[in-house]
PDB file of N, CA and C in Angstrom:
ATOM      1  N   MET A   1     108.291 140.181  70.759  1.00  0.00           N
ATOM      2  CA  MET A   1     107.494 140.914  72.061  1.00  0.00           C
ATOM      3  C   MET A   1     109.020 140.052  72.688  1.00  0.00           C
ATOM      4  N   ASN A   2     109.795 141.279  73.622  1.00  0.00           N
ATOM      5  CA  ASN A   2     110.449 140.973  73.778  1.00  0.00           C
ATOM      6  C   ASN A   2     110.273 141.519  75.629  1.00  0.00           C
ATOM      7  N   VAL A   3     110.754 140.103  76.521  1.00  0.00           N
ATOM      8  CA  VAL A   3     110.581 139.705  77.633  1.00  0.00           C
ATOM      9  C   VAL A   3     110.923 140.162  78.444  1.00  0.00           C
ATOM     10  N   LEU A   4     112.341 141.143  77.951  1.00  0.00           N
ATOM     11  CA  LEU A   4     113.097 141.940  79.196  1.00  0.00           C
ATOM     12  C   LEU A   4     112.569 143.082  79.598  1.00  0.00           C
ATOM     13  N   ASN A   5     111.881 143.742  79.120  1.00  0.00           N
ATOM     14  CA  ASN A   5     111.040 144.928  79.553  1.00  0.00           C
ATOM     15  C   ASN A   5     110.055 144.629  80.291  1.00  0.00           C
ATOM     16  N   ALA A   6     109.352 145.324  81.351  1.00  0.00           N
ATOM     17  CA  ALA A   6     108.198 145.073  82.114  1.00  0.00           C
ATOM     18  C   ALA A   6     107.151 145.115  81.205  1.00  0.00           C
ATOM     19  N   ALA A   7     106.772 145.730  80.179  1.00  0.00           N
ATOM     20  CA  ALA A   7     105.424 145.611  79.234  1.00  0.00           C
ATOM     21  C   ALA A   7     105.090 144.245  78.901  1.00  0.00           C
ATOM     22  N   GLY A   8     106.788 143.848  78.315  1.00  0.00           N
ATOM     23  CA  GLY A   8     106.408 142.411  77.934  1.00  0.00           C
ATOM     24  C   GLY A   8     106.094 141.206  78.748  1.00  0.00           C
ATOM     25  N   PHE A   9     106.998 141.258  80.262  1.00  0.00           N
ATOM     26  CA  PHE A   9     106.333 140.591  81.284  1.00  0.00           C
ATOM     27  C   PHE A   9     105.265 140.797  81.595  1.00  0.00           C
ATOM     28  N   VAL A  10     104.594 141.740  81.729  1.00  0.00           N
ATOM     29  CA  VAL A  10     103.465 141.582  82.100  1.00  0.00           C
ATOM     30  C   VAL A  10     102.499 141.221  80.940  1.00  0.00           C
ATOM     31  N   GLN A  11     102.660 141.564  79.983  1.00  0.00           N
ATOM     32  CA  GLN A  11     101.441 141.058  78.704  1.00  0.00           C
ATOM     33  C   GLN A  11     101.577 139.268  79.016  1.00  0.00           C
ATOM     34  N   MET A  12     102.959 138.958  78.777  1.00  0.00           N
ATOM     35  CA  MET A  12     103.147 137.367  78.759  1.00  0.00           C
ATOM     36  C   MET A  12     102.276 137.167  80.414  1.00  0.00           C
ATOM     37  N   LEU A  13     102.565 137.482  81.049  1.00  0.00           N
ATOM     38  CA  LEU A  13     101.650 136.906  82.576  1.00  0.00           C
ATOM     39  C   LEU A  13      99.705 137.388  82.161  1.00  0.00           C
ATOM     40  N   ALA A  14      99.802 138.061  82.044  1.00  0.00           N
ATOM     41  CA  ALA A  14      98.270 138.307  80.971  1.00  0.00           C
ATOM     42  C   ALA A  14      97.950 137.294  80.324  1.00  0.00           C
ATOM     43  N   ASN A  15      98.782 136.588  79.320  1.00  0.00           N
ATOM     44  CA  ASN A  15      98.152 135.766  78.725  1.00  0.00           C
ATOM     45  C   ASN A  15      98.773 134.346  78.546  1.00  0.00           C
ATOM     46  N   PHE A  16     100.019 134.152  79.560  1.00  0.00           N
ATOM     47  CA  PHE A  16      99.641 132.683  80.208  1.00  0.00           C
ATOM     48  C   PHE A  16      99.326 132.486  81.529  1.00  0.00           C
ATOM     49  N   GLY A  17      99.071 133.281  82.545  1.00  0.00           N
ATOM     50  CA  GLY A  17      98.983 133.388  83.925  1.00  0.00           C
ATOM     51  C   GLY A  17      98.031 132.601  83.850  1.00  0.00           C
ATOM     52  N   PHE A  18      96.733 133.298  83.564  1.00  0.00           N
ATOM     53  CA  PHE A  18      95.272 133.164  84.084  1.00  0.00           C
ATOM     54  C   PHE A  18      95.800 131.638  83.710  1.00  0.00           C
ATOM     55  N   PRO A  19      95.201 131.241  82.750  1.00  0.00           N
ATOM     56  CA  PRO A  19      94.847 129.773  82.169  1.00  0.00           C
ATOM     57  C   PRO A  19      95.702 128.975  83.116  1.00  0.00           C
ATOM     58  N   ILE A  20      97.075 129.036  83.418  1.00  0.00           N
ATOM     59  CA  ILE A  20      97.716 128.219  83.953  1.00  0.00           C
ATOM     60  C   ILE A  20      97.181 128.552  85.710  1.00  0.00           C
ATOM     61  N   VAL A  21      96.743 129.136  86.020  1.00  0.00           N
ATOM     62  CA  VAL A  21      96.163 129.402  87.660  1.00  0.00           C
ATOM     63  C   VAL A  21      94.696 128.586  87.648  1.00  0.00           C
ATOM     64  N   ILE A  22      94.158 128.989  86.490  1.00  0.00           N
ATOM     65  CA  ILE A  22      92.679 127.846  86.742  1.00  0.00           C
ATOM     66  C   ILE A  22      93.218 126.674  85.929  1.00  0.00           C
ATOM     67  N   THR A  23      94.046 126.469  85.628  1.00  0.00           N
ATOM     68  CA  THR A  23      94.672 124.539  86.129  1.00  0.00           C
ATOM     69  C   THR A  23      94.733 124.178  86.963  1.00  0.00           C
ATOM     70  N   PHE A  24      95.876 125.220  87.533  1.00  0.00           N
ATOM     71  CA  PHE A  24      96.531 124.414  89.042  1.00  0.00           C
ATOM     72  C   PHE A  24      94.977 124.221  89.970  1.00  0.00           C
ATOM     73  N   TYR A  25      94.254 125.216  89.689  1.00  0.00           N
ATOM     74  CA  TYR A  25      92.812 125.171  90.887  1.00  0.00           C
ATOM     75  C   TYR A  25      92.520 123.971  90.433  1.00  0.00           C
ATOM     76  N   LEU A  26      92.103 123.579  89.150  1.00  0.00           N
ATOM     77  CA  LEU A  26      91.390 122.579  88.813  1.00  0.00           C
ATOM     78  C   LEU A  26      91.797 121.279  89.058  1.00  0.00           C
ATOM     79  N   LEU A  27      93.017 120.898  88.959  1.00  0.00           N
ATOM     80  CA  LEU A  27      93.764 119.692  89.058  1.00  0.00           C
ATOM     81  C   LEU A  27      94.065 119.710  90.898  1.00  0.00           C
ATOM     82  N   PHE A  28      93.959 120.612  91.490  1.00  0.00           N
ATOM     83  CA  PHE A  28      94.032 120.414  93.088  1.00  0.00           C
ATOM     84  C   PHE A  28      92.450 119.994  93.399  1.00  0.00           C
ATOM     85  N   ARG A  29      91.322 120.591  93.293  1.00  0.00           N
ATOM     86  CA  ARG A  29      89.799 119.997  93.387  1.00  0.00           C
ATOM     87  C   ARG A  29      89.357 118.728  92.710  1.00  0.00           C
ATOM     88  N   PHE A  30      90.465 118.290  92.116  1.00  0.00           N
ATOM     89  CA  PHE A  30      89.580 116.699  91.337  1.00  0.00           C
ATOM     90  C   PHE A  30      90.893 116.307  91.918  1.00  0.00           C
ATOM     91  N   GLU A  31      92.209 116.425  92.944  1.00  0.00           N
ATOM     92  CA  GLU A  31      92.719 115.389  93.069  1.00  0.00           C
ATOM     93  C   GLU A  31      92.071 115.114  94.582  1.00  0.00           C
ATOM     94  N   LYS A  32      91.688 116.091  95.215  1.00  0.00           N
ATOM     95  CA  LYS A  32      90.629 115.927  96.885  1.00  0.00           C
ATOM     96  C   LYS A  32      89.615 114.829  95.926  1.00  0.00           C
ATOM     97  N   ARG A  33      89.198 114.989  95.073  1.00  0.00           N
ATOM     98  CA  ARG A  33      87.947 114.204  94.684  1.00  0.00           C
ATOM     99  C   ARG A  33      88.852 112.511  94.935  1.00  0.00           C
ATOM    100  N   ILE A  34      89.684 112.507  94.109  1.00  0.00           N
ATOM    101  CA  ILE A  34      90.334 111.399  93.724  1.00  0.00           C
ATOM    102  C   ILE A  34      90.733 110.871  94.906  1.00  0.00           C
ATOM    103  N   GLU A  35      91.528 111.018  95.795  1.00  0.00           N
ATOM    104  CA  GLU A  35      91.809 110.702  96.587  1.00  0.00           C
ATOM    105  C   GLU A  35      90.713 110.572  97.679  1.00  0.00           C
ATOM    106  N   ARG A  36      89.251 110.952  97.587  1.00  0.00           N
ATOM    107  CA  ARG A  36      87.903 110.357  98.266  1.00  0.00           C
ATOM    108  C   ARG A  36      87.723 109.097  97.705  1.00  0.00           C
ATOM    109  N   ILE A  37      87.931 109.263  96.555  1.00  0.00           N
ATOM    110  CA  ILE A  37      87.555 108.054  95.548  1.00  0.00           C
ATOM    111  C   ILE A  37      88.569 106.783  96.186  1.00  0.00           C
ATOM    112  N   GLU A  38      89.227 106.927  96.343  1.00  0.00           N
ATOM    113  CA  GLU A  38      90.736 105.965  96.252  1.00  0.00           C
ATOM    114  C   GLU A  38      90.417 105.398  97.592  1.00  0.00           C
ATOM    115  N   HIS A  39      90.184 106.044  98.800  1.00  0.00           N
ATOM    116  CA  HIS A  39      89.648 105.839 100.545  1.00  0.00           C
ATOM    117  C   HIS A  39      88.472 105.145 100.038  1.00  0.00           C
ATOM    118  N   LEU A  40      87.432 105.704  99.375  1.00  0.00           N
ATOM    119  CA  LEU A  40      86.213 104.643  99.278  1.00  0.00           C
ATOM    120  C   LEU A  40      86.555 103.499  98.849  1.00  0.00           C
ATOM    121  N   LEU A  41      87.392 103.072  97.411  1.00  0.00           N
ATOM    122  CA  LEU A  41      87.741 101.731  97.263  1.00  0.00           C
ATOM    123  C   LEU A  41      88.264 101.040  98.124  1.00  0.00           C
ATOM    124  N   GLN A  42      89.234 101.526  98.545  1.00  0.00           N
ATOM    125  CA  GLN A  42      90.211 100.672  99.965  1.00  0.00           C
ATOM    126  C   GLN A  42      89.147 100.148 100.640  1.00  0.00           C
ATOM    127  N   GLU A  43      87.905 101.082 101.636  1.00  0.00           N
ATOM    128  CA  GLU A  43      86.945 100.894 102.291  1.00  0.00           C
ATOM    129  C   GLU A  43      86.560  99.379 101.928  1.00  0.00           C
ATOM    130  N   SER A  44      85.870 100.167 100.575  1.00  0.00           N
ATOM    131  CA  SER A  44      84.948  98.511  99.604  1.00  0.00           C
ATOM    132  C   SER A  44      85.671  97.189  99.853  1.00  0.00           C
ATOM    133  N   LYS A  45      87.092  97.420  99.656  1.00  0.00           N
ATOM    134  CA  LYS A  45      87.990  96.295  99.661  1.00  0.00           C
ATOM    135  C   LYS A  45      87.879  95.463 100.884  1.00  0.00           C
ATOM    136  N   GLU A  46      87.904  96.375 102.032  1.00  0.00           N
ATOM    137  CA  GLU A  46      87.907  96.047 103.714  1.00  0.00           C
ATOM    138  C   GLU A  46      86.992  94.770 103.970  1.00  0.00           C
ATOM    139  N   CYS A  47      85.850  95.602 103.327  1.00  0.00           N
ATOM    140  CA  CYS A  47      84.128  95.190 103.593  1.00  0.00           C
ATOM    141  C   CYS A  47      83.743  95.037 102.570  1.00  0.00           C
ATOM    142  N   PRO A  48      83.653  93.672 101.644  1.00  0.00           N
ATOM    143  CA  PRO A  48      83.389  93.024 100.496  1.00  0.00           C
ATOM    144  C   PRO A  48      81.863  93.087 100.532  1.00  0.00           C
ATOM    145  N   GLY A  49      80.994  93.109 101.803  1.00  0.00           N
ATOM    146  CA  GLY A  49      79.307  92.680 101.740  1.00  0.00           C
ATOM    147  C   GLY A  49      78.913  94.130 102.214  1.00  0.00           C
ATOM    148  N   SER A  50      80.197  95.038 102.688  1.00  0.00           N
ATOM    149  CA  SER A  50      79.102  96.357 102.840  1.00  0.00           C
ATOM    150  C   SER A  50      78.912  97.106 101.616  1.00  0.00           C
ATOM    151  N   THR A  51      77.904  98.252 101.634  1.00  0.00           N
ATOM    152  CA  THR A  51      77.948  99.372 100.163  1.00  0.00           C
ATOM    153  C   THR A  51      77.839 100.565 101.490  1.00  0.00           C
ATOM    154  N   PRO A  52      79.301 101.482 100.600  1.00  0.00           N
ATOM    155  CA  PRO A  52      79.667 102.953 101.189  1.00  0.00           C
ATOM    156  C   PRO A  52      78.518 103.491 100.828  1.00  0.00           C
ATOM    157  N   THR A  53      78.065 104.263 101.581  1.00  0.00           N
ATOM    158  CA  THR A  53      77.061 105.517 101.740  1.00  0.00           C
ATOM    159  C   THR A  53      77.378 106.841 101.094  1.00  0.00           C
ATOM    160  N   LYS A  54      77.003 107.968 100.683  1.00  0.00           N
ATOM    161  CA  LYS A  54      77.300 109.281 100.428  1.00  0.00           C
ATOM    162  C   LYS A  54      78.507 109.944 100.700  1.00  0.00           C
ATOM    163  N   GLU A  55      78.165 109.704 102.306  1.00  0.00           N
ATOM    164  CA  GLU A  55      79.513 110.120 103.328  1.00  0.00           C
ATOM    165  C   GLU A  55      80.436 109.002 103.555  1.00  0.00           C
ATOM    166  N   GLY A  56      80.382 107.952 102.793  1.00  0.00           N
ATOM    167  CA  GLY A  56      81.738 107.507 102.488  1.00  0.00           C
ATOM    168  C   GLY A  56      81.518 106.063 103.897  1.00  0.00           C
ATOM    169  N   LYS A  57      80.406 105.921 104.881  1.00  0.00           N
ATOM    170  CA  LYS A  57      80.251 105.272 106.291  1.00  0.00           C
ATOM    171  C   LYS A  57      78.993 103.975 105.441  1.00  0.00           C
ATOM    172  N   ASP A  58      79.230 102.924 106.056  1.00  0.00           N
ATOM    173  CA  ASP A  58      78.338 102.336 105.452  1.00  0.00           C
ATOM    174  C   ASP A  58      77.046 102.170 106.349  1.00  0.00           C
ATOM    175  N   GLU A  59      76.086 101.661 105.570  1.00  0.00           N
ATOM    176  CA  GLU A  59      75.055 101.603 105.678  1.00  0.00           C
ATOM    177  C   GLU A  59      74.261 101.107 106.939  1.00  0.00           C
TER     178      GLU A  59
END
């Protein structure tokens, strides 16, 4: 496949573009969750006697 012509470029984008877009989407989603977990762990270190709730606040 020749990448220099437009058809070859479009074919490569179609073959590799979609999986890459999905990968980045999932990475960004998981990044938000990981940051939230890190925040909850930091809170639990600061207050060892408390239990964080689902919203991240103490009961």
